[in-house]
Amino acid sequence: MTIISLVLLAVLPLQVESSRFTVSIEGERVGTEEFSVVRIEGGFLATGHTRLEVNGQSVDVRSRMELDASFNPVAYEYRSGDQVLSVEILGQAAEIEYTVGGQRTPYDVRFPSGGMIIDDNFSHHYMLVLYRLGEAGGTVPVFVPQQMTLGALDVARVSEGNYELRSESIQLRATTDEEGRLLRLTLAESNVVVER
């Protein structure tokens, strides 16, 4: 581990936790997201399990993301039924394999330097961005694997423990506690609230 990695570990907010978010739309509870972030050799492992029931349709998805000591993603996996999306990040490139019913389709994608993975189904991915950027906020390149899109997420501190997150397609408000843990994420346009 480098000296820079050791310094980052000392200044980053809480990085090891397990919890559950409740997901609501227009005040009605529609599901949950259970997640954990644990230390592993060389960095962290973030896992998530989201279950939603919206307009008679069920969603049950799982994710697993390996990150280095500076919260840079190294590998990602998304599972939903017989669908599996695997991403391996190799510097400026990402090898992606999409499997449905045993049929595998490989892709190669340019991965942005310093980029993060944001999956639409997992709010704890935004928490990982907040961990990485800290109170100062900033802009981070993002890759959305299910949509195979690249973009940028701007994070700005609005007040103590309150942040605004913006991209071309989304605007969120995040609230954290004094230890940097994500308490609430709000997508005002669609009245979606995710909270502990």
N, C-alpha and C. Protein backbone atom coordinates (compact mmCIF):
# COMPACT_ATOMS: atom_id res chain seq x y z
N MET A 1 0.85 -1.17 0.00
CA MET A 1 0.00 0.00 0.00
C MET A 1 0.90 1.24 0.00
N THR A 2 0.59 2.23 -0.82
CA THR A 2 1.41 3.43 -0.92
C THR A 2 1.14 4.38 0.23
N ILE A 3 2.04 5.34 0.41
CA ILE A 3 1.85 6.35 1.45
C ILE A 3 0.60 7.16 1.14
N ILE A 4 0.35 7.46 -0.14
CA ILE A 4 -0.86 8.22 -0.51
C ILE A 4 -2.11 7.45 -0.10
N SER A 5 -2.13 6.13 -0.33
CA SER A 5 -3.29 5.32 0.06
C SER A 5 -3.49 5.35 1.56
N LEU A 6 -2.40 5.28 2.32
CA LEU A 6 -2.51 5.33 3.78
C LEU A 6 -3.06 6.67 4.25
N VAL A 7 -2.60 7.76 3.62
CA VAL A 7 -3.10 9.09 3.98
C VAL A 7 -4.58 9.20 3.65
N LEU A 8 -4.99 8.71 2.47
CA LEU A 8 -6.41 8.76 2.09
C LEU A 8 -7.26 7.98 3.08
N LEU A 9 -6.79 6.81 3.50
CA LEU A 9 -7.55 6.02 4.47
C LEU A 9 -7.73 6.77 5.78
N ALA A 10 -6.74 7.59 6.13
CA ALA A 10 -6.82 8.33 7.39
C ALA A 10 -7.80 9.49 7.31
N VAL A 11 -8.00 10.09 6.12
CA VAL A 11 -8.84 11.28 6.03
C VAL A 11 -10.23 11.01 5.47
N LEU A 12 -10.44 9.87 4.82
CA LEU A 12 -11.77 9.59 4.28
C LEU A 12 -12.75 9.32 5.42
N PRO A 13 -14.03 9.63 5.25
CA PRO A 13 -15.01 9.35 6.29
C PRO A 13 -15.21 7.84 6.48
N LEU A 14 -16.11 7.49 7.35
CA LEU A 14 -16.40 6.09 7.65
C LEU A 14 -16.51 5.29 6.36
N GLN A 15 -15.84 4.15 6.30
CA GLN A 15 -15.85 3.38 5.07
C GLN A 15 -16.30 1.95 5.27
N VAL A 16 -16.63 1.55 6.48
CA VAL A 16 -17.04 0.19 6.73
C VAL A 16 -18.40 0.23 7.41
N GLU A 17 -19.41 -0.30 6.74
CA GLU A 17 -20.75 -0.28 7.32
C GLU A 17 -21.67 -1.23 6.59
N SER A 18 -22.74 -1.60 7.27
CA SER A 18 -23.82 -2.38 6.68
C SER A 18 -25.12 -1.73 7.14
N SER A 19 -26.06 -1.59 6.23
CA SER A 19 -27.32 -0.95 6.60
C SER A 19 -28.38 -1.26 5.55
N ARG A 20 -29.51 -0.60 5.72
CA ARG A 20 -30.64 -0.77 4.80
C ARG A 20 -31.27 0.59 4.52
N PHE A 21 -31.59 0.80 3.25
CA PHE A 21 -32.36 1.96 2.83
C PHE A 21 -33.79 1.51 2.55
N THR A 22 -34.73 2.38 2.85
CA THR A 22 -36.12 2.18 2.44
C THR A 22 -36.35 3.09 1.23
N VAL A 23 -37.00 2.57 0.20
CA VAL A 23 -37.26 3.33 -1.01
C VAL A 23 -38.75 3.66 -1.07
N SER A 24 -39.06 4.96 -1.23
CA SER A 24 -40.45 5.42 -1.31
C SER A 24 -40.65 6.27 -2.56
N ILE A 25 -41.84 6.15 -3.14
CA ILE A 25 -42.24 7.01 -4.26
C ILE A 25 -43.53 7.69 -3.85
N GLU A 26 -43.51 9.02 -3.89
CA GLU A 26 -44.66 9.83 -3.48
C GLU A 26 -45.19 9.41 -2.10
N GLY A 27 -44.25 9.12 -1.19
CA GLY A 27 -44.61 8.78 0.18
C GLY A 27 -44.99 7.34 0.43
N GLU A 28 -45.09 6.53 -0.62
CA GLU A 28 -45.45 5.13 -0.47
C GLU A 28 -44.20 4.25 -0.57
N ARG A 29 -44.01 3.40 0.43
CA ARG A 29 -42.85 2.51 0.44
C ARG A 29 -43.00 1.48 -0.69
N VAL A 30 -41.95 1.39 -1.53
CA VAL A 30 -41.98 0.46 -2.66
C VAL A 30 -40.87 -0.58 -2.60
N GLY A 31 -39.96 -0.46 -1.62
CA GLY A 31 -38.90 -1.45 -1.54
C GLY A 31 -37.79 -1.10 -0.59
N THR A 32 -36.74 -1.92 -0.65
CA THR A 32 -35.58 -1.75 0.21
C THR A 32 -34.29 -1.99 -0.56
N GLU A 33 -33.22 -1.47 -0.02
CA GLU A 33 -31.88 -1.74 -0.52
C GLU A 33 -31.00 -2.05 0.68
N GLU A 34 -30.51 -3.27 0.75
CA GLU A 34 -29.56 -3.65 1.79
C GLU A 34 -28.17 -3.55 1.18
N PHE A 35 -27.21 -3.02 1.94
CA PHE A 35 -25.87 -2.85 1.40
C PHE A 35 -24.83 -3.00 2.51
N SER A 36 -23.62 -3.28 2.07
CA SER A 36 -22.50 -3.28 3.01
C SER A 36 -21.24 -2.83 2.29
N VAL A 37 -20.35 -2.20 3.04
CA VAL A 37 -19.04 -1.81 2.56
C VAL A 37 -18.05 -2.34 3.59
N VAL A 38 -17.18 -3.24 3.16
CA VAL A 38 -16.21 -3.85 4.07
C VAL A 38 -14.81 -3.73 3.49
N ARG A 39 -13.83 -3.73 4.38
CA ARG A 39 -12.43 -3.70 3.94
C ARG A 39 -12.03 -5.10 3.45
N ILE A 40 -11.30 -5.12 2.36
CA ILE A 40 -10.68 -6.35 1.87
C ILE A 40 -9.22 -6.01 1.58
N GLU A 41 -8.43 -7.00 1.30
CA GLU A 41 -7.03 -6.73 1.00
C GLU A 41 -6.93 -5.81 -0.21
N GLY A 42 -6.26 -4.69 -0.03
CA GLY A 42 -6.05 -3.74 -1.11
C GLY A 42 -7.17 -2.72 -1.29
N GLY A 43 -8.24 -2.78 -0.49
CA GLY A 43 -9.31 -1.80 -0.65
C GLY A 43 -10.59 -2.17 0.03
N PHE A 44 -11.70 -2.15 -0.74
CA PHE A 44 -13.03 -2.33 -0.18
C PHE A 44 -13.89 -3.21 -1.09
N LEU A 45 -14.90 -3.81 -0.50
CA LEU A 45 -15.91 -4.56 -1.22
C LEU A 45 -17.26 -3.97 -0.85
N ALA A 46 -18.02 -3.51 -1.84
CA ALA A 46 -19.36 -2.96 -1.62
C ALA A 46 -20.36 -3.91 -2.28
N THR A 47 -21.34 -4.37 -1.49
CA THR A 47 -22.37 -5.25 -2.04
C THR A 47 -23.74 -4.63 -1.77
N GLY A 48 -24.69 -4.95 -2.65
CA GLY A 48 -26.05 -4.43 -2.49
C GLY A 48 -27.09 -5.42 -2.97
N HIS A 49 -28.27 -5.32 -2.37
CA HIS A 49 -29.42 -6.14 -2.78
C HIS A 49 -30.65 -5.25 -2.72
N THR A 50 -31.22 -4.96 -3.88
CA THR A 50 -32.40 -4.09 -3.98
C THR A 50 -33.61 -4.91 -4.38
N ARG A 51 -34.70 -4.69 -3.64
CA ARG A 51 -35.99 -5.32 -3.96
C ARG A 51 -37.02 -4.20 -4.06
N LEU A 52 -37.71 -4.14 -5.22
CA LEU A 52 -38.73 -3.11 -5.44
C LEU A 52 -39.99 -3.75 -6.00
N GLU A 53 -41.12 -3.14 -5.71
CA GLU A 53 -42.41 -3.52 -6.27
C GLU A 53 -43.08 -2.22 -6.71
N VAL A 54 -43.05 -1.95 -8.02
CA VAL A 54 -43.57 -0.69 -8.56
C VAL A 54 -44.53 -0.99 -9.69
N ASN A 55 -45.75 -0.48 -9.58
CA ASN A 55 -46.78 -0.66 -10.61
C ASN A 55 -46.94 -2.12 -11.01
N GLY A 56 -46.95 -3.01 -10.02
CA GLY A 56 -47.16 -4.43 -10.28
C GLY A 56 -45.95 -5.18 -10.82
N GLN A 57 -44.82 -4.48 -10.96
CA GLN A 57 -43.61 -5.12 -11.45
C GLN A 57 -42.60 -5.24 -10.32
N SER A 58 -41.99 -6.43 -10.22
CA SER A 58 -41.00 -6.68 -9.18
C SER A 58 -39.59 -6.55 -9.74
N VAL A 59 -38.71 -5.99 -8.92
CA VAL A 59 -37.29 -5.88 -9.24
C VAL A 59 -36.54 -6.52 -8.08
N ASP A 60 -35.61 -7.44 -8.39
CA ASP A 60 -34.78 -8.08 -7.38
C ASP A 60 -33.39 -8.18 -7.98
N VAL A 61 -32.49 -7.26 -7.58
CA VAL A 61 -31.17 -7.17 -8.18
C VAL A 61 -30.09 -7.15 -7.11
N ARG A 62 -28.93 -7.65 -7.48
CA ARG A 62 -27.78 -7.69 -6.57
C ARG A 62 -26.57 -7.09 -7.27
N SER A 63 -25.69 -6.50 -6.47
CA SER A 63 -24.46 -5.95 -7.04
C SER A 63 -23.29 -6.26 -6.13
N ARG A 64 -22.11 -6.24 -6.75
CA ARG A 64 -20.86 -6.48 -6.03
C ARG A 64 -19.80 -5.63 -6.70
N MET A 65 -19.18 -4.71 -5.95
CA MET A 65 -18.16 -3.84 -6.52
C MET A 65 -16.90 -3.91 -5.66
N GLU A 66 -15.78 -4.20 -6.32
CA GLU A 66 -14.48 -4.15 -5.65
C GLU A 66 -13.86 -2.80 -5.96
N LEU A 67 -13.30 -2.16 -4.92
CA LEU A 67 -12.67 -0.86 -5.06
C LEU A 67 -11.29 -0.90 -4.44
N ASP A 68 -10.38 -0.07 -4.95
CA ASP A 68 -9.06 0.00 -4.34
C ASP A 68 -9.13 0.88 -3.09
N ALA A 69 -8.00 1.13 -2.47
CA ALA A 69 -7.96 1.87 -1.21
C ALA A 69 -8.39 3.33 -1.37
N SER A 70 -8.40 3.85 -2.60
CA SER A 70 -8.82 5.24 -2.86
C SER A 70 -10.24 5.31 -3.40
N PHE A 71 -10.99 4.23 -3.30
CA PHE A 71 -12.37 4.13 -3.78
C PHE A 71 -12.49 4.20 -5.30
N ASN A 72 -11.47 3.74 -6.02
CA ASN A 72 -11.55 3.58 -7.46
C ASN A 72 -12.05 2.17 -7.75
N PRO A 73 -13.10 2.00 -8.56
CA PRO A 73 -13.60 0.66 -8.85
C PRO A 73 -12.59 -0.16 -9.64
N VAL A 74 -12.54 -1.45 -9.30
CA VAL A 74 -11.65 -2.39 -9.96
C VAL A 74 -12.47 -3.43 -10.73
N ALA A 75 -13.60 -3.84 -10.13
CA ALA A 75 -14.48 -4.83 -10.76
C ALA A 75 -15.90 -4.59 -10.26
N TYR A 76 -16.87 -4.96 -11.11
CA TYR A 76 -18.28 -4.77 -10.76
C TYR A 76 -19.09 -5.93 -11.34
N GLU A 77 -20.11 -6.35 -10.58
CA GLU A 77 -21.02 -7.37 -11.09
C GLU A 77 -22.45 -7.03 -10.67
N TYR A 78 -23.36 -7.19 -11.61
CA TYR A 78 -24.79 -6.94 -11.41
C TYR A 78 -25.52 -8.23 -11.77
N ARG A 79 -26.47 -8.66 -10.92
CA ARG A 79 -27.24 -9.88 -11.18
C ARG A 79 -28.74 -9.61 -11.01
N SER A 80 -29.50 -10.11 -11.97
CA SER A 80 -30.95 -10.06 -11.90
C SER A 80 -31.48 -11.30 -12.61
N GLY A 81 -31.96 -12.27 -11.82
CA GLY A 81 -32.41 -13.53 -12.42
C GLY A 81 -31.26 -14.20 -13.15
N ASP A 82 -31.47 -14.53 -14.44
CA ASP A 82 -30.41 -15.18 -15.21
C ASP A 82 -29.54 -14.18 -15.96
N GLN A 83 -29.71 -12.89 -15.66
CA GLN A 83 -28.91 -11.85 -16.30
C GLN A 83 -27.74 -11.47 -15.38
N VAL A 84 -26.55 -11.47 -15.94
CA VAL A 84 -25.35 -11.09 -15.20
C VAL A 84 -24.55 -10.11 -16.06
N LEU A 85 -24.17 -9.01 -15.46
CA LEU A 85 -23.32 -8.03 -16.14
C LEU A 85 -22.03 -7.93 -15.32
N SER A 86 -20.91 -8.27 -15.93
CA SER A 86 -19.61 -8.22 -15.24
C SER A 86 -18.73 -7.17 -15.90
N VAL A 87 -18.06 -6.37 -15.06
CA VAL A 87 -17.17 -5.33 -15.55
C VAL A 87 -15.82 -5.51 -14.85
N GLU A 88 -14.76 -5.58 -15.63
CA GLU A 88 -13.41 -5.61 -15.08
C GLU A 88 -12.69 -4.39 -15.62
N ILE A 89 -12.17 -3.56 -14.72
CA ILE A 89 -11.53 -2.31 -15.13
C ILE A 89 -10.02 -2.51 -15.18
N LEU A 90 -9.47 -2.22 -16.34
CA LEU A 90 -8.04 -2.41 -16.59
C LEU A 90 -7.46 -1.07 -17.03
N GLY A 91 -7.21 -0.19 -16.08
CA GLY A 91 -6.69 1.14 -16.41
C GLY A 91 -7.73 1.96 -17.14
N GLN A 92 -7.42 2.34 -18.39
CA GLN A 92 -8.32 3.18 -19.18
C GLN A 92 -9.35 2.37 -19.98
N ALA A 93 -9.39 1.06 -19.75
CA ALA A 93 -10.33 0.21 -20.48
C ALA A 93 -11.14 -0.62 -19.51
N ALA A 94 -12.31 -1.03 -19.94
CA ALA A 94 -13.16 -1.92 -19.15
C ALA A 94 -13.61 -3.06 -20.05
N GLU A 95 -13.43 -4.27 -19.54
CA GLU A 95 -13.94 -5.44 -20.24
C GLU A 95 -15.29 -5.77 -19.62
N ILE A 96 -16.31 -5.83 -20.45
CA ILE A 96 -17.67 -6.05 -19.98
C ILE A 96 -18.19 -7.33 -20.60
N GLU A 97 -18.85 -8.13 -19.80
CA GLU A 97 -19.47 -9.35 -20.31
C GLU A 97 -20.91 -9.36 -19.82
N TYR A 98 -21.83 -9.48 -20.75
CA TYR A 98 -23.25 -9.52 -20.44
C TYR A 98 -23.75 -10.93 -20.74
N THR A 99 -24.33 -11.59 -19.72
CA THR A 99 -24.79 -12.96 -19.87
C THR A 99 -26.29 -13.03 -19.61
N VAL A 100 -27.03 -13.62 -20.55
CA VAL A 100 -28.47 -13.84 -20.40
C VAL A 100 -28.74 -15.29 -20.78
N GLY A 101 -29.32 -16.05 -19.84
CA GLY A 101 -29.65 -17.45 -20.12
C GLY A 101 -28.46 -18.27 -20.59
N GLY A 102 -27.27 -17.96 -20.08
CA GLY A 102 -26.08 -18.71 -20.46
C GLY A 102 -25.36 -18.17 -21.69
N GLN A 103 -26.00 -17.28 -22.45
CA GLN A 103 -25.39 -16.69 -23.65
C GLN A 103 -24.54 -15.48 -23.23
N ARG A 104 -23.25 -15.52 -23.55
CA ARG A 104 -22.34 -14.44 -23.16
C ARG A 104 -22.03 -13.53 -24.33
N THR A 105 -22.05 -12.23 -24.06
CA THR A 105 -21.70 -11.24 -25.07
C THR A 105 -20.65 -10.31 -24.47
N PRO A 106 -19.43 -10.28 -25.03
CA PRO A 106 -18.38 -9.41 -24.50
C PRO A 106 -18.38 -8.04 -25.18
N TYR A 107 -17.94 -7.03 -24.43
CA TYR A 107 -17.79 -5.66 -24.93
C TYR A 107 -16.49 -5.10 -24.35
N ASP A 108 -15.88 -4.18 -25.06
CA ASP A 108 -14.75 -3.42 -24.54
C ASP A 108 -15.18 -1.96 -24.56
N VAL A 109 -14.95 -1.27 -23.44
CA VAL A 109 -15.37 0.12 -23.31
C VAL A 109 -14.20 0.92 -22.75
N ARG A 110 -14.05 2.14 -23.21
CA ARG A 110 -13.06 3.04 -22.62
C ARG A 110 -13.59 3.47 -21.26
N PHE A 111 -12.81 3.26 -20.22
CA PHE A 111 -13.23 3.65 -18.87
C PHE A 111 -12.53 4.96 -18.51
N PRO A 112 -13.29 5.96 -18.03
CA PRO A 112 -12.69 7.27 -17.76
C PRO A 112 -11.70 7.23 -16.60
N SER A 113 -10.61 7.93 -16.75
CA SER A 113 -9.61 8.03 -15.68
C SER A 113 -10.28 8.62 -14.44
N GLY A 114 -10.11 7.97 -13.30
CA GLY A 114 -10.72 8.45 -12.06
C GLY A 114 -12.21 8.23 -12.00
N GLY A 115 -12.74 7.39 -12.89
CA GLY A 115 -14.19 7.19 -12.99
C GLY A 115 -14.76 6.33 -11.87
N MET A 116 -16.06 6.45 -11.68
CA MET A 116 -16.83 5.65 -10.73
C MET A 116 -17.93 4.93 -11.50
N ILE A 117 -18.44 3.85 -10.92
CA ILE A 117 -19.57 3.14 -11.48
C ILE A 117 -20.81 3.53 -10.70
N ILE A 118 -21.83 3.96 -11.42
CA ILE A 118 -23.12 4.29 -10.80
C ILE A 118 -24.17 3.41 -11.46
N ASP A 119 -24.84 2.61 -10.66
CA ASP A 119 -25.90 1.74 -11.15
C ASP A 119 -27.23 2.35 -10.71
N ASP A 120 -28.15 2.50 -11.63
CA ASP A 120 -29.45 3.11 -11.33
C ASP A 120 -30.20 2.43 -10.20
N ASN A 121 -29.91 1.16 -9.94
CA ASN A 121 -30.65 0.39 -8.94
C ASN A 121 -30.06 0.44 -7.54
N PHE A 122 -28.91 1.11 -7.35
CA PHE A 122 -28.22 1.04 -6.07
C PHE A 122 -27.81 2.43 -5.58
N SER A 123 -28.50 2.91 -4.56
CA SER A 123 -28.20 4.23 -3.99
C SER A 123 -26.87 4.26 -3.27
N HIS A 124 -26.42 3.11 -2.76
CA HIS A 124 -25.14 3.12 -2.05
C HIS A 124 -23.97 3.46 -2.98
N HIS A 125 -24.16 3.40 -4.28
CA HIS A 125 -23.10 3.83 -5.20
C HIS A 125 -22.87 5.34 -5.09
N TYR A 126 -23.95 6.10 -4.85
CA TYR A 126 -23.79 7.54 -4.63
C TYR A 126 -23.05 7.79 -3.32
N MET A 127 -23.29 6.94 -2.33
CA MET A 127 -22.59 7.02 -1.05
C MET A 127 -21.08 6.84 -1.28
N LEU A 128 -20.71 5.90 -2.15
CA LEU A 128 -19.30 5.67 -2.44
C LEU A 128 -18.66 6.89 -3.09
N VAL A 129 -19.42 7.57 -3.96
CA VAL A 129 -18.92 8.81 -4.56
C VAL A 129 -18.69 9.86 -3.48
N LEU A 130 -19.64 9.99 -2.54
CA LEU A 130 -19.48 10.95 -1.45
C LEU A 130 -18.28 10.59 -0.58
N TYR A 131 -18.07 9.31 -0.31
CA TYR A 131 -16.88 8.90 0.44
C TYR A 131 -15.61 9.36 -0.26
N ARG A 132 -15.58 9.15 -1.56
CA ARG A 132 -14.37 9.47 -2.32
C ARG A 132 -14.11 10.96 -2.40
N LEU A 133 -15.15 11.75 -2.65
CA LEU A 133 -14.96 13.19 -2.82
C LEU A 133 -14.87 13.94 -1.50
N GLY A 134 -15.52 13.42 -0.45
CA GLY A 134 -15.50 14.11 0.84
C GLY A 134 -16.30 15.39 0.82
N GLU A 135 -16.13 16.19 1.86
CA GLU A 135 -16.91 17.43 2.02
C GLU A 135 -16.67 18.44 0.91
N ALA A 136 -15.50 18.40 0.32
CA ALA A 136 -15.16 19.39 -0.71
C ALA A 136 -16.01 19.21 -1.97
N GLY A 137 -16.50 18.00 -2.21
CA GLY A 137 -17.26 17.75 -3.43
C GLY A 137 -16.36 17.78 -4.64
N GLY A 138 -16.94 18.01 -5.80
CA GLY A 138 -16.18 18.05 -7.04
C GLY A 138 -16.93 17.34 -8.15
N THR A 139 -16.23 17.04 -9.21
CA THR A 139 -16.81 16.35 -10.36
C THR A 139 -16.08 15.04 -10.56
N VAL A 140 -16.85 13.99 -10.80
CA VAL A 140 -16.25 12.67 -11.03
C VAL A 140 -16.86 12.07 -12.30
N PRO A 141 -16.03 11.51 -13.18
CA PRO A 141 -16.56 10.81 -14.35
C PRO A 141 -17.30 9.56 -13.88
N VAL A 142 -18.41 9.22 -14.54
CA VAL A 142 -19.18 8.04 -14.15
C VAL A 142 -19.49 7.17 -15.38
N PHE A 143 -19.59 5.88 -15.09
CA PHE A 143 -19.97 4.89 -16.09
C PHE A 143 -21.21 4.19 -15.57
N VAL A 144 -22.28 4.14 -16.39
CA VAL A 144 -23.52 3.46 -16.03
C VAL A 144 -23.57 2.19 -16.86
N PRO A 145 -23.25 1.02 -16.22
CA PRO A 145 -23.10 -0.21 -16.99
C PRO A 145 -24.34 -0.68 -17.75
N GLN A 146 -25.52 -0.64 -17.13
CA GLN A 146 -26.71 -1.15 -17.82
C GLN A 146 -27.03 -0.35 -19.07
N GLN A 147 -26.73 0.93 -19.05
CA GLN A 147 -27.01 1.78 -20.21
C GLN A 147 -25.79 1.94 -21.11
N MET A 148 -24.62 1.44 -20.64
CA MET A 148 -23.36 1.56 -21.37
C MET A 148 -23.08 3.03 -21.73
N THR A 149 -23.29 3.92 -20.74
CA THR A 149 -23.07 5.34 -20.98
C THR A 149 -22.00 5.89 -20.05
N LEU A 150 -21.31 6.92 -20.55
CA LEU A 150 -20.32 7.66 -19.79
C LEU A 150 -20.85 9.06 -19.56
N GLY A 151 -20.50 9.65 -18.43
CA GLY A 151 -20.93 11.01 -18.14
C GLY A 151 -20.12 11.56 -16.98
N ALA A 152 -20.67 12.57 -16.33
CA ALA A 152 -20.00 13.18 -15.18
C ALA A 152 -21.05 13.47 -14.12
N LEU A 153 -20.64 13.34 -12.87
CA LEU A 153 -21.50 13.66 -11.73
C LEU A 153 -20.84 14.78 -10.95
N ASP A 154 -21.56 15.91 -10.82
CA ASP A 154 -21.08 17.04 -10.03
C ASP A 154 -21.67 16.94 -8.63
N VAL A 155 -20.81 17.06 -7.63
CA VAL A 155 -21.23 17.00 -6.23
C VAL A 155 -20.84 18.31 -5.57
N ALA A 156 -21.85 19.02 -5.05
CA ALA A 156 -21.60 20.30 -4.39
C ALA A 156 -22.19 20.29 -2.98
N ARG A 157 -21.39 20.74 -2.03
CA ARG A 157 -21.86 20.85 -0.64
C ARG A 157 -22.74 22.08 -0.54
N VAL A 158 -23.98 21.88 -0.10
CA VAL A 158 -24.94 22.98 0.03
C VAL A 158 -24.87 23.57 1.44
N SER A 159 -24.76 22.72 2.43
CA SER A 159 -24.62 23.12 3.83
C SER A 159 -24.06 21.92 4.59
N GLU A 160 -23.85 22.05 5.87
CA GLU A 160 -23.30 20.96 6.67
C GLU A 160 -24.13 19.70 6.49
N GLY A 161 -23.51 18.65 5.90
CA GLY A 161 -24.17 17.37 5.73
C GLY A 161 -25.18 17.30 4.59
N ASN A 162 -25.27 18.35 3.77
CA ASN A 162 -26.22 18.37 2.64
C ASN A 162 -25.48 18.64 1.34
N TYR A 163 -25.80 17.81 0.34
CA TYR A 163 -25.11 17.87 -0.95
C TYR A 163 -26.11 17.83 -2.09
N GLU A 164 -25.72 18.43 -3.20
CA GLU A 164 -26.49 18.35 -4.43
C GLU A 164 -25.64 17.59 -5.43
N LEU A 165 -26.24 16.58 -6.06
CA LEU A 165 -25.56 15.75 -7.05
C LEU A 165 -26.28 15.94 -8.38
N ARG A 166 -25.51 16.29 -9.42
CA ARG A 166 -26.12 16.56 -10.73
C ARG A 166 -25.34 15.91 -11.85
N SER A 167 -26.09 15.39 -12.81
CA SER A 167 -25.51 14.93 -14.07
C SER A 167 -26.41 15.46 -15.17
N GLU A 168 -26.16 15.05 -16.40
CA GLU A 168 -27.03 15.49 -17.50
C GLU A 168 -28.45 14.99 -17.33
N SER A 169 -28.61 13.84 -16.68
CA SER A 169 -29.94 13.21 -16.64
C SER A 169 -30.57 13.15 -15.25
N ILE A 170 -29.87 13.57 -14.20
CA ILE A 170 -30.41 13.39 -12.86
C ILE A 170 -29.97 14.51 -11.93
N GLN A 171 -30.84 14.85 -10.98
CA GLN A 171 -30.50 15.81 -9.93
C GLN A 171 -30.98 15.23 -8.61
N LEU A 172 -30.04 15.06 -7.68
CA LEU A 172 -30.33 14.44 -6.39
C LEU A 172 -29.90 15.36 -5.26
N ARG A 173 -30.53 15.18 -4.11
CA ARG A 173 -30.10 15.82 -2.86
C ARG A 173 -29.71 14.72 -1.91
N ALA A 174 -28.56 14.86 -1.27
CA ALA A 174 -28.08 13.86 -0.33
C ALA A 174 -27.87 14.50 1.03
N THR A 175 -28.22 13.75 2.07
CA THR A 175 -28.00 14.19 3.45
C THR A 175 -27.16 13.13 4.14
N THR A 176 -26.09 13.58 4.81
CA THR A 176 -25.21 12.67 5.53
C THR A 176 -25.17 13.05 7.01
N ASP A 177 -24.74 12.09 7.84
CA ASP A 177 -24.57 12.41 9.25
C ASP A 177 -23.15 12.96 9.46
N GLU A 178 -22.80 13.26 10.72
CA GLU A 178 -21.50 13.86 11.01
C GLU A 178 -20.32 12.93 10.69
N GLU A 179 -20.58 11.65 10.52
CA GLU A 179 -19.52 10.70 10.17
C GLU A 179 -19.45 10.44 8.67
N GLY A 180 -20.28 11.13 7.89
CA GLY A 180 -20.25 10.98 6.44
C GLY A 180 -21.14 9.88 5.89
N ARG A 181 -21.92 9.21 6.75
CA ARG A 181 -22.81 8.15 6.28
C ARG A 181 -24.03 8.75 5.60
N LEU A 182 -24.42 8.18 4.48
CA LEU A 182 -25.58 8.65 3.74
C LEU A 182 -26.85 8.30 4.49
N LEU A 183 -27.66 9.31 4.82
CA LEU A 183 -28.92 9.11 5.53
C LEU A 183 -30.12 9.16 4.59
N ARG A 184 -30.05 10.04 3.59
CA ARG A 184 -31.21 10.27 2.73
C ARG A 184 -30.75 10.73 1.36
N LEU A 185 -31.42 10.22 0.33
CA LEU A 185 -31.17 10.61 -1.05
C LEU A 185 -32.53 10.89 -1.67
N THR A 186 -32.68 12.07 -2.27
CA THR A 186 -33.97 12.48 -2.81
C THR A 186 -33.84 12.84 -4.28
N LEU A 187 -34.72 12.26 -5.08
CA LEU A 187 -34.84 12.60 -6.49
C LEU A 187 -36.17 13.34 -6.63
N ALA A 188 -36.10 14.67 -6.55
CA ALA A 188 -37.31 15.48 -6.46
C ALA A 188 -38.23 15.35 -7.66
N GLU A 189 -37.66 15.24 -8.88
CA GLU A 189 -38.47 15.21 -10.10
C GLU A 189 -39.48 14.07 -10.11
N SER A 190 -39.10 12.92 -9.50
CA SER A 190 -40.02 11.78 -9.52
C SER A 190 -40.50 11.40 -8.12
N ASN A 191 -40.29 12.29 -7.14
CA ASN A 191 -40.74 12.07 -5.76
C ASN A 191 -40.22 10.75 -5.18
N VAL A 192 -38.98 10.40 -5.52
CA VAL A 192 -38.35 9.21 -4.96
C VAL A 192 -37.48 9.62 -3.78
N VAL A 193 -37.65 8.92 -2.66
CA VAL A 193 -36.85 9.17 -1.47
C VAL A 193 -36.27 7.83 -1.01
N VAL A 194 -34.96 7.85 -0.79
CA VAL A 194 -34.25 6.68 -0.27
C VAL A 194 -33.66 7.10 1.07
N GLU A 195 -34.00 6.39 2.15
CA GLU A 195 -33.49 6.80 3.45
C GLU A 195 -33.30 5.62 4.39
N ARG A 196 -32.40 5.82 5.36
CA ARG A 196 -32.17 4.78 6.38
C ARG A 196 -33.35 4.73 7.31
